[in-house]
Amino acid sequence: MKLFSRKSNVPDDRSIMEKAWDLQHRLEARQNRVGKGKYGRVLKMARKPTNEEYSKTSKITGAGILLVGGLGFLIFLLSTVIAPYVAGLIGW
């Protein structure tokens, strides 16, 4: 069985081991270049958060979600319940 190479329609006669080693070398080269791009400094400084940091972030995020959801619910109530009531009072 002959497979085609990635770059052209020419059959690739290499063995499966040669292809695996080639892939391994390309992946390692890509991994070595990770810290050299635009975001390399950020990636080098990044670390796993502590349990306390994760807990605080989760609580703040949850409070934000509840606040935005509550505000949306209030707008929904205003438009479906209160607005028709007020419109009926003023004669619309």
PDB file of N, CA and C in Angstrom:
ATOM      1  N   MET A   1       0.842  -1.164   0.000  1.00  0.00           N
ATOM      2  CA  MET A   1       0.000   0.000   0.000  1.00  0.00           C
ATOM      3  C   MET A   1       0.894   1.236   0.000  1.00  0.00           C
ATOM      4  N   LYS A   2       0.714   2.105  -0.967  1.00  0.00           N
ATOM      5  CA  LYS A   2       1.508   3.314  -1.044  1.00  0.00           C
ATOM      6  C   LYS A   2       0.646   4.502  -0.662  1.00  0.00           C
ATOM      7  N   LEU A   3       1.165   5.303   0.256  1.00  0.00           N
ATOM      8  CA  LEU A   3       0.465   6.508   0.658  1.00  0.00           C
ATOM      9  C   LEU A   3       1.089   7.704  -0.031  1.00  0.00           C
ATOM     10  N   PHE A   4       0.318   8.747  -0.178  1.00  0.00           N
ATOM     11  CA  PHE A   4       0.811   9.950  -0.801  1.00  0.00           C
ATOM     12  C   PHE A   4       1.360  10.890   0.259  1.00  0.00           C
ATOM     13  N   SER A   5       2.382  11.638  -0.102  1.00  0.00           N
ATOM     14  CA  SER A   5       2.935  12.606   0.840  1.00  0.00           C
ATOM     15  C   SER A   5       1.995  13.800   0.955  1.00  0.00           C
ATOM     16  N   ARG A   6       2.195  14.616   1.978  1.00  0.00           N
ATOM     17  CA  ARG A   6       1.323  15.745   2.246  1.00  0.00           C
ATOM     18  C   ARG A   6       1.443  16.839   1.198  1.00  0.00           C
ATOM     19  N   LYS A   7       2.598  16.991   0.599  1.00  0.00           N
ATOM     20  CA  LYS A   7       2.853  18.149  -0.238  1.00  0.00           C
ATOM     21  C   LYS A   7       2.580  17.921  -1.720  1.00  0.00           C
ATOM     22  N   SER A   8       2.471  16.712  -2.147  1.00  0.00           N
ATOM     23  CA  SER A   8       2.251  16.485  -3.573  1.00  0.00           C
ATOM     24  C   SER A   8       1.512  15.163  -3.769  1.00  0.00           C
ATOM     25  N   ASN A   9       1.226  14.874  -5.004  1.00  0.00           N
ATOM     26  CA  ASN A   9       0.534  13.634  -5.338  1.00  0.00           C
ATOM     27  C   ASN A   9       1.509  12.523  -5.679  1.00  0.00           C
ATOM     28  N   VAL A  10       2.756  12.647  -5.224  1.00  0.00           N
ATOM     29  CA  VAL A  10       3.777  11.631  -5.467  1.00  0.00           C
ATOM     30  C   VAL A  10       3.667  10.578  -4.370  1.00  0.00           C
ATOM     31  N   PRO A  11       3.651   9.297  -4.732  1.00  0.00           N
ATOM     32  CA  PRO A  11       3.561   8.263  -3.696  1.00  0.00           C
ATOM     33  C   PRO A  11       4.738   8.346  -2.718  1.00  0.00           C
ATOM     34  N   ASP A  12       4.448   8.078  -1.456  1.00  0.00           N
ATOM     35  CA  ASP A  12       5.456   8.111  -0.406  1.00  0.00           C
ATOM     36  C   ASP A  12       5.886   6.672  -0.123  1.00  0.00           C
ATOM     37  N   ASP A  13       7.154   6.358  -0.408  1.00  0.00           N
ATOM     38  CA  ASP A  13       7.648   4.990  -0.269  1.00  0.00           C
ATOM     39  C   ASP A  13       8.273   4.709   1.096  1.00  0.00           C
ATOM     40  N   ARG A  14       8.197   5.656   2.029  1.00  0.00           N
ATOM     41  CA  ARG A  14       8.810   5.454   3.340  1.00  0.00           C
ATOM     42  C   ARG A  14       7.995   4.451   4.153  1.00  0.00           C
ATOM     43  N   SER A  15       8.672   3.806   5.098  1.00  0.00           N
ATOM     44  CA  SER A  15       7.979   2.849   5.960  1.00  0.00           C
ATOM     45  C   SER A  15       7.185   3.611   7.013  1.00  0.00           C
ATOM     46  N   ILE A  16       6.319   2.892   7.694  1.00  0.00           N
ATOM     47  CA  ILE A  16       5.492   3.508   8.723  1.00  0.00           C
ATOM     48  C   ILE A  16       6.357   4.055   9.859  1.00  0.00           C
ATOM     49  N   MET A  17       7.477   3.408  10.172  1.00  0.00           N
ATOM     50  CA  MET A  17       8.371   3.882  11.225  1.00  0.00           C
ATOM     51  C   MET A  17       9.056   5.184  10.810  1.00  0.00           C
ATOM     52  N   GLU A  18       9.464   5.273   9.562  1.00  0.00           N
ATOM     53  CA  GLU A  18      10.085   6.512   9.092  1.00  0.00           C
ATOM     54  C   GLU A  18       9.096   7.672   9.142  1.00  0.00           C
ATOM     55  N   LYS A  19       7.857   7.390   8.783  1.00  0.00           N
ATOM     56  CA  LYS A  19       6.825   8.425   8.841  1.00  0.00           C
ATOM     57  C   LYS A  19       6.549   8.835  10.285  1.00  0.00           C
ATOM     58  N   ALA A  20       6.547   7.864  11.201  1.00  0.00           N
ATOM     59  CA  ALA A  20       6.309   8.161  12.613  1.00  0.00           C
ATOM     60  C   ALA A  20       7.440   9.015  13.182  1.00  0.00           C
ATOM     61  N   TRP A  21       8.692   8.682  12.826  1.00  0.00           N
ATOM     62  CA  TRP A  21       9.821   9.483  13.308  1.00  0.00           C
ATOM     63  C   TRP A  21       9.775  10.895  12.740  1.00  0.00           C
ATOM     64  N   ASP A  22       9.394  11.004  11.480  1.00  0.00           N
ATOM     65  CA  ASP A  22       9.283  12.322  10.854  1.00  0.00           C
ATOM     66  C   ASP A  22       8.224  13.162  11.582  1.00  0.00           C
ATOM     67  N   LEU A  23       7.101  12.553  11.874  1.00  0.00           N
ATOM     68  CA  LEU A  23       6.046  13.251  12.614  1.00  0.00           C
ATOM     69  C   LEU A  23       6.522  13.650  14.003  1.00  0.00           C
ATOM     70  N   GLN A  24       7.240  12.746  14.676  1.00  0.00           N
ATOM     71  CA  GLN A  24       7.771  13.031  16.006  1.00  0.00           C
ATOM     72  C   GLN A  24       8.711  14.233  15.969  1.00  0.00           C
ATOM     73  N   HIS A  25       9.580  14.294  14.990  1.00  0.00           N
ATOM     74  CA  HIS A  25      10.530  15.401  14.888  1.00  0.00           C
ATOM     75  C   HIS A  25       9.811  16.718  14.591  1.00  0.00           C
ATOM     76  N   ARG A  26       8.795  16.679  13.743  1.00  0.00           N
ATOM     77  CA  ARG A  26       8.038  17.902  13.453  1.00  0.00           C
ATOM     78  C   ARG A  26       7.305  18.398  14.691  1.00  0.00           C
ATOM     79  N   LEU A  27       6.721  17.480  15.475  1.00  0.00           N
ATOM     80  CA  LEU A  27       6.028  17.879  16.702  1.00  0.00           C
ATOM     81  C   LEU A  27       6.987  18.470  17.729  1.00  0.00           C
ATOM     82  N   GLU A  28       8.162  17.864  17.874  1.00  0.00           N
ATOM     83  CA  GLU A  28       9.154  18.390  18.811  1.00  0.00           C
ATOM     84  C   GLU A  28       9.648  19.758  18.378  1.00  0.00           C
ATOM     85  N   ALA A  29       9.833  19.961  17.086  1.00  0.00           N
ATOM     86  CA  ALA A  29      10.276  21.267  16.588  1.00  0.00           C
ATOM     87  C   ALA A  29       9.209  22.324  16.852  1.00  0.00           C
ATOM     88  N   ARG A  30       7.959  21.978  16.658  1.00  0.00           N
ATOM     89  CA  ARG A  30       6.862  22.919  16.935  1.00  0.00           C
ATOM     90  C   ARG A  30       6.809  23.248  18.422  1.00  0.00           C
ATOM     91  N   GLN A  31       7.000  22.250  19.265  1.00  0.00           N
ATOM     92  CA  GLN A  31       6.978  22.471  20.710  1.00  0.00           C
ATOM     93  C   GLN A  31       8.116  23.397  21.133  1.00  0.00           C
ATOM     94  N   ASN A  32       9.269  23.274  20.516  1.00  0.00           N
ATOM     95  CA  ASN A  32      10.406  24.133  20.862  1.00  0.00           C
ATOM     96  C   ASN A  32      10.175  25.578  20.430  1.00  0.00           C
ATOM     97  N   ARG A  33       9.327  25.807  19.428  1.00  0.00           N
ATOM     98  CA  ARG A  33       9.055  27.157  18.953  1.00  0.00           C
ATOM     99  C   ARG A  33       7.950  27.852  19.740  1.00  0.00           C
ATOM    100  N   VAL A  34       7.255  27.172  20.636  1.00  0.00           N
ATOM    101  CA  VAL A  34       6.100  27.739  21.333  1.00  0.00           C
ATOM    102  C   VAL A  34       6.452  29.012  22.082  1.00  0.00           C
ATOM    103  N   GLY A  35       7.542  29.048  22.797  1.00  0.00           N
ATOM    104  CA  GLY A  35       7.892  30.202  23.602  1.00  0.00           C
ATOM    105  C   GLY A  35       8.500  31.348  22.835  1.00  0.00           C
ATOM    106  N   LYS A  36       8.550  31.304  21.522  1.00  0.00           N
ATOM    107  CA  LYS A  36       9.250  32.313  20.751  1.00  0.00           C
ATOM    108  C   LYS A  36       8.312  33.236  19.971  1.00  0.00           C
ATOM    109  N   GLY A  37       7.020  33.011  20.000  1.00  0.00           N
ATOM    110  CA  GLY A  37       6.090  33.830  19.233  1.00  0.00           C
ATOM    111  C   GLY A  37       5.593  35.031  20.014  1.00  0.00           C
ATOM    112  N   LYS A  38       4.478  35.593  19.555  1.00  0.00           N
ATOM    113  CA  LYS A  38       3.870  36.760  20.185  1.00  0.00           C
ATOM    114  C   LYS A  38       3.525  36.516  21.646  1.00  0.00           C
ATOM    115  N   TYR A  39       2.980  35.369  21.922  1.00  0.00           N
ATOM    116  CA  TYR A  39       2.457  35.071  23.245  1.00  0.00           C
ATOM    117  C   TYR A  39       3.406  34.211  24.073  1.00  0.00           C
ATOM    118  N   GLY A  40       4.635  34.108  23.655  1.00  0.00           N
ATOM    119  CA  GLY A  40       5.593  33.269  24.354  1.00  0.00           C
ATOM    120  C   GLY A  40       5.821  33.702  25.787  1.00  0.00           C
ATOM    121  N   ARG A  41       5.921  35.011  26.011  1.00  0.00           N
ATOM    122  CA  ARG A  41       6.154  35.502  27.367  1.00  0.00           C
ATOM    123  C   ARG A  41       4.976  35.164  28.269  1.00  0.00           C
ATOM    124  N   VAL A  42       3.771  35.321  27.748  1.00  0.00           N
ATOM    125  CA  VAL A  42       2.579  35.003  28.534  1.00  0.00           C
ATOM    126  C   VAL A  42       2.554  33.522  28.874  1.00  0.00           C
ATOM    127  N   LEU A  43       2.863  32.676  27.911  1.00  0.00           N
ATOM    128  CA  LEU A  43       2.860  31.243  28.160  1.00  0.00           C
ATOM    129  C   LEU A  43       3.933  30.839  29.162  1.00  0.00           C
ATOM    130  N   LYS A  44       5.076  31.521  29.132  1.00  0.00           N
ATOM    131  CA  LYS A  44       6.132  31.191  30.079  1.00  0.00           C
ATOM    132  C   LYS A  44       5.755  31.612  31.496  1.00  0.00           C
ATOM    133  N   MET A  45       5.006  32.709  31.624  1.00  0.00           N
ATOM    134  CA  MET A  45       4.625  33.203  32.945  1.00  0.00           C
ATOM    135  C   MET A  45       3.392  32.490  33.497  1.00  0.00           C
ATOM    136  N   ALA A  46       2.634  31.828  32.643  1.00  0.00           N
ATOM    137  CA  ALA A  46       1.393  31.180  33.073  1.00  0.00           C
ATOM    138  C   ALA A  46       1.696  30.034  34.040  1.00  0.00           C
ATOM    139  N   ARG A  47       0.782  29.873  34.982  1.00  0.00           N
ATOM    140  CA  ARG A  47       0.932  28.779  35.950  1.00  0.00           C
ATOM    141  C   ARG A  47      -0.457  28.309  36.351  1.00  0.00           C
ATOM    142  N   LYS A  48      -0.494  27.173  36.990  1.00  0.00           N
ATOM    143  CA  LYS A  48      -1.754  26.627  37.469  1.00  0.00           C
ATOM    144  C   LYS A  48      -2.198  27.429  38.697  1.00  0.00           C
ATOM    145  N   PRO A  49      -3.480  27.847  38.752  1.00  0.00           N
ATOM    146  CA  PRO A  49      -3.922  28.625  39.917  1.00  0.00           C
ATOM    147  C   PRO A  49      -4.000  27.752  41.168  1.00  0.00           C
ATOM    148  N   THR A  50      -3.831  28.406  42.324  1.00  0.00           N
ATOM    149  CA  THR A  50      -3.980  27.686  43.585  1.00  0.00           C
ATOM    150  C   THR A  50      -5.466  27.434  43.817  1.00  0.00           C
ATOM    151  N   ASN A  51      -5.773  26.575  44.781  1.00  0.00           N
ATOM    152  CA  ASN A  51      -7.171  26.281  45.089  1.00  0.00           C
ATOM    153  C   ASN A  51      -7.919  27.539  45.521  1.00  0.00           C
ATOM    154  N   GLU A  52      -7.250  28.401  46.284  1.00  0.00           N
ATOM    155  CA  GLU A  52      -7.885  29.637  46.746  1.00  0.00           C
ATOM    156  C   GLU A  52      -8.196  30.569  45.573  1.00  0.00           C
ATOM    157  N   GLU A  53      -7.249  30.723  44.650  1.00  0.00           N
ATOM    158  CA  GLU A  53      -7.475  31.565  43.471  1.00  0.00           C
ATOM    159  C   GLU A  53      -8.614  31.010  42.614  1.00  0.00           C
ATOM    160  N   TYR A  54      -8.617  29.704  42.440  1.00  0.00           N
ATOM    161  CA  TYR A  54      -9.662  29.081  41.639  1.00  0.00           C
ATOM    162  C   TYR A  54     -11.027  29.265  42.287  1.00  0.00           C
ATOM    163  N   SER A  55     -11.092  29.117  43.600  1.00  0.00           N
ATOM    164  CA  SER A  55     -12.347  29.274  44.327  1.00  0.00           C
ATOM    165  C   SER A  55     -12.871  30.702  44.198  1.00  0.00           C
ATOM    166  N   LYS A  56     -12.002  31.699  44.394  1.00  0.00           N
ATOM    167  CA  LYS A  56     -12.419  33.101  44.277  1.00  0.00           C
ATOM    168  C   LYS A  56     -12.887  33.416  42.859  1.00  0.00           C
ATOM    169  N   THR A  57     -12.155  32.940  41.874  1.00  0.00           N
ATOM    170  CA  THR A  57     -12.528  33.187  40.485  1.00  0.00           C
ATOM    171  C   THR A  57     -13.878  32.552  40.167  1.00  0.00           C
ATOM    172  N   SER A  58     -14.110  31.348  40.651  1.00  0.00           N
ATOM    173  CA  SER A  58     -15.382  30.665  40.420  1.00  0.00           C
ATOM    174  C   SER A  58     -16.543  31.415  41.070  1.00  0.00           C
ATOM    175  N   LYS A  59     -16.333  31.902  42.295  1.00  0.00           N
ATOM    176  CA  LYS A  59     -17.390  32.641  42.995  1.00  0.00           C
ATOM    177  C   LYS A  59     -17.710  33.949  42.277  1.00  0.00           C
ATOM    178  N   ILE A  60     -16.692  34.679  41.863  1.00  0.00           N
ATOM    179  CA  ILE A  60     -16.909  35.946  41.163  1.00  0.00           C
ATOM    180  C   ILE A  60     -17.604  35.706  39.826  1.00  0.00           C
ATOM    181  N   THR A  61     -17.180  34.682  39.104  1.00  0.00           N
ATOM    182  CA  THR A  61     -17.813  34.356  37.832  1.00  0.00           C
ATOM    183  C   THR A  61     -19.268  33.960  38.034  1.00  0.00           C
ATOM    184  N   GLY A  62     -19.549  33.141  39.043  1.00  0.00           N
ATOM    185  CA  GLY A  62     -20.931  32.737  39.338  1.00  0.00           C
ATOM    186  C   GLY A  62     -21.794  33.924  39.715  1.00  0.00           C
ATOM    187  N   ALA A  63     -21.241  34.845  40.529  1.00  0.00           N
ATOM    188  CA  ALA A  63     -21.997  36.045  40.901  1.00  0.00           C
ATOM    189  C   ALA A  63     -22.295  36.896  39.672  1.00  0.00           C
ATOM    190  N   GLY A  64     -21.350  36.998  38.766  1.00  0.00           N
ATOM    191  CA  GLY A  64     -21.563  37.751  37.524  1.00  0.00           C
ATOM    192  C   GLY A  64     -22.650  37.126  36.661  1.00  0.00           C
ATOM    193  N   ILE A  65     -22.643  35.812  36.561  1.00  0.00           N
ATOM    194  CA  ILE A  65     -23.670  35.115  35.780  1.00  0.00           C
ATOM    195  C   ILE A  65     -25.039  35.341  36.389  1.00  0.00           C
ATOM    196  N   LEU A  66     -25.143  35.251  37.735  1.00  0.00           N
ATOM    197  CA  LEU A  66     -26.423  35.480  38.406  1.00  0.00           C
ATOM    198  C   LEU A  66     -26.884  36.925  38.235  1.00  0.00           C
ATOM    199  N   LEU A  67     -25.960  37.879  38.303  1.00  0.00           N
ATOM    200  CA  LEU A  67     -26.309  39.284  38.141  1.00  0.00           C
ATOM    201  C   LEU A  67     -26.840  39.561  36.736  1.00  0.00           C
ATOM    202  N   VAL A  68     -26.165  39.082  35.729  1.00  0.00           N
ATOM    203  CA  VAL A  68     -26.609  39.293  34.349  1.00  0.00           C
ATOM    204  C   VAL A  68     -27.936  38.578  34.099  1.00  0.00           C
ATOM    205  N   GLY A  69     -28.091  37.367  34.628  1.00  0.00           N
ATOM    206  CA  GLY A  69     -29.354  36.640  34.478  1.00  0.00           C
ATOM    207  C   GLY A  69     -30.497  37.340  35.182  1.00  0.00           C
ATOM    208  N   GLY A  70     -30.242  37.858  36.404  1.00  0.00           N
ATOM    209  CA  GLY A  70     -31.271  38.591  37.137  1.00  0.00           C
ATOM    210  C   GLY A  70     -31.680  39.859  36.417  1.00  0.00           C
ATOM    211  N   LEU A  71     -30.707  40.570  35.870  1.00  0.00           N
ATOM    212  CA  LEU A  71     -31.011  41.777  35.105  1.00  0.00           C
ATOM    213  C   LEU A  71     -31.851  41.438  33.874  1.00  0.00           C
ATOM    214  N   GLY A  72     -31.523  40.386  33.196  1.00  0.00           N
ATOM    215  CA  GLY A  72     -32.319  39.950  32.045  1.00  0.00           C
ATOM    216  C   GLY A  72     -33.731  39.574  32.449  1.00  0.00           C
ATOM    217  N   PHE A  73     -33.875  38.917  33.596  1.00  0.00           N
ATOM    218  CA  PHE A  73     -35.206  38.539  34.070  1.00  0.00           C
ATOM    219  C   PHE A  73     -36.021  39.777  34.433  1.00  0.00           C
ATOM    220  N   LEU A  74     -35.390  40.776  35.063  1.00  0.00           N
ATOM    221  CA  LEU A  74     -36.097  42.014  35.380  1.00  0.00           C
ATOM    222  C   LEU A  74     -36.568  42.736  34.110  1.00  0.00           C
ATOM    223  N   ILE A  75     -35.732  42.759  33.097  1.00  0.00           N
ATOM    224  CA  ILE A  75     -36.134  43.369  31.822  1.00  0.00           C
ATOM    225  C   ILE A  75     -37.290  42.592  31.216  1.00  0.00           C
ATOM    226  N   PHE A  76     -37.256  41.278  31.307  1.00  0.00           N
ATOM    227  CA  PHE A  76     -38.352  40.451  30.811  1.00  0.00           C
ATOM    228  C   PHE A  76     -39.648  40.772  31.549  1.00  0.00           C
ATOM    229  N   LEU A  77     -39.586  40.847  32.885  1.00  0.00           N
ATOM    230  CA  LEU A  77     -40.776  41.189  33.663  1.00  0.00           C
ATOM    231  C   LEU A  77     -41.291  42.581  33.311  1.00  0.00           C
ATOM    232  N   LEU A  78     -40.395  43.519  33.159  1.00  0.00           N
ATOM    233  CA  LEU A  78     -40.772  44.882  32.818  1.00  0.00           C
ATOM    234  C   LEU A  78     -41.519  44.918  31.488  1.00  0.00           C
ATOM    235  N   SER A  79     -41.041  44.166  30.514  1.00  0.00           N
ATOM    236  CA  SER A  79     -41.660  44.218  29.185  1.00  0.00           C
ATOM    237  C   SER A  79     -42.930  43.388  29.078  1.00  0.00           C
ATOM    238  N   THR A  80     -43.097  42.358  29.888  1.00  0.00           N
ATOM    239  CA  THR A  80     -44.278  41.490  29.729  1.00  0.00           C
ATOM    240  C   THR A  80     -45.360  41.729  30.769  1.00  0.00           C
ATOM    241  N   VAL A  81     -45.020  42.207  31.957  1.00  0.00           N
ATOM    242  CA  VAL A  81     -46.010  42.362  33.021  1.00  0.00           C
ATOM    243  C   VAL A  81     -46.261  43.832  33.339  1.00  0.00           C
ATOM    244  N   ILE A  82     -45.209  44.548  33.626  1.00  0.00           N
ATOM    245  CA  ILE A  82     -45.362  45.919  34.107  1.00  0.00           C
ATOM    246  C   ILE A  82     -45.738  46.867  32.974  1.00  0.00           C
ATOM    247  N   ALA A  83     -45.117  46.745  31.815  1.00  0.00           N
ATOM    248  CA  ALA A  83     -45.411  47.642  30.699  1.00  0.00           C
ATOM    249  C   ALA A  83     -46.879  47.551  30.261  1.00  0.00           C
ATOM    250  N   PRO A  84     -47.487  46.365  30.090  1.00  0.00           N
ATOM    251  CA  PRO A  84     -48.916  46.320  29.736  1.00  0.00           C
ATOM    252  C   PRO A  84     -49.814  46.893  30.841  1.00  0.00           C
ATOM    253  N   TYR A  85     -49.440  46.693  32.098  1.00  0.00           N
ATOM    254  CA  TYR A  85     -50.220  47.231  33.210  1.00  0.00           C
ATOM    255  C   TYR A  85     -50.214  48.762  33.176  1.00  0.00           C
ATOM    256  N   VAL A  86     -49.010  49.337  32.984  1.00  0.00           N
ATOM    257  CA  VAL A  86     -48.902  50.788  32.925  1.00  0.00           C
ATOM    258  C   VAL A  86     -49.620  51.318  31.681  1.00  0.00           C
ATOM    259  N   ALA A  87     -49.513  50.637  30.583  1.00  0.00           N
ATOM    260  CA  ALA A  87     -50.214  51.058  29.355  1.00  0.00           C
ATOM    261  C   ALA A  87     -51.724  51.031  29.563  1.00  0.00           C
ATOM    262  N   GLY A  88     -52.239  50.048  30.312  1.00  0.00           N
ATOM    263  CA  GLY A  88     -53.670  50.004  30.609  1.00  0.00           C
ATOM    264  C   GLY A  88     -54.101  51.148  31.529  1.00  0.00           C
ATOM    265  N   LEU A  89     -53.238  51.528  32.443  1.00  0.00           N
ATOM    266  CA  LEU A  89     -53.563  52.635  33.347  1.00  0.00           C
ATOM    267  C   LEU A  89     -53.667  53.957  32.626  1.00  0.00           C
ATOM    268  N   ILE A  90     -52.776  54.182  31.659  1.00  0.00           N
ATOM    269  CA  ILE A  90     -52.779  55.476  30.972  1.00  0.00           C
ATOM    270  C   ILE A  90     -53.690  55.475  29.744  1.00  0.00           C
ATOM    271  N   GLY A  91     -54.338  54.372  29.464  1.00  0.00           N
ATOM    272  CA  GLY A  91     -55.327  54.328  28.395  1.00  0.00           C
ATOM    273  C   GLY A  91     -54.814  53.957  27.022  1.00  0.00           C
ATOM    274  N   TRP A  92     -53.702  53.324  26.925  1.00  0.00           N
ATOM    275  CA  TRP A  92     -53.209  52.899  25.615  1.00  0.00           C
ATOM    276  C   TRP A  92     -53.823  51.606  25.278  1.00  0.00           C
TER     277      TRP A  92
END
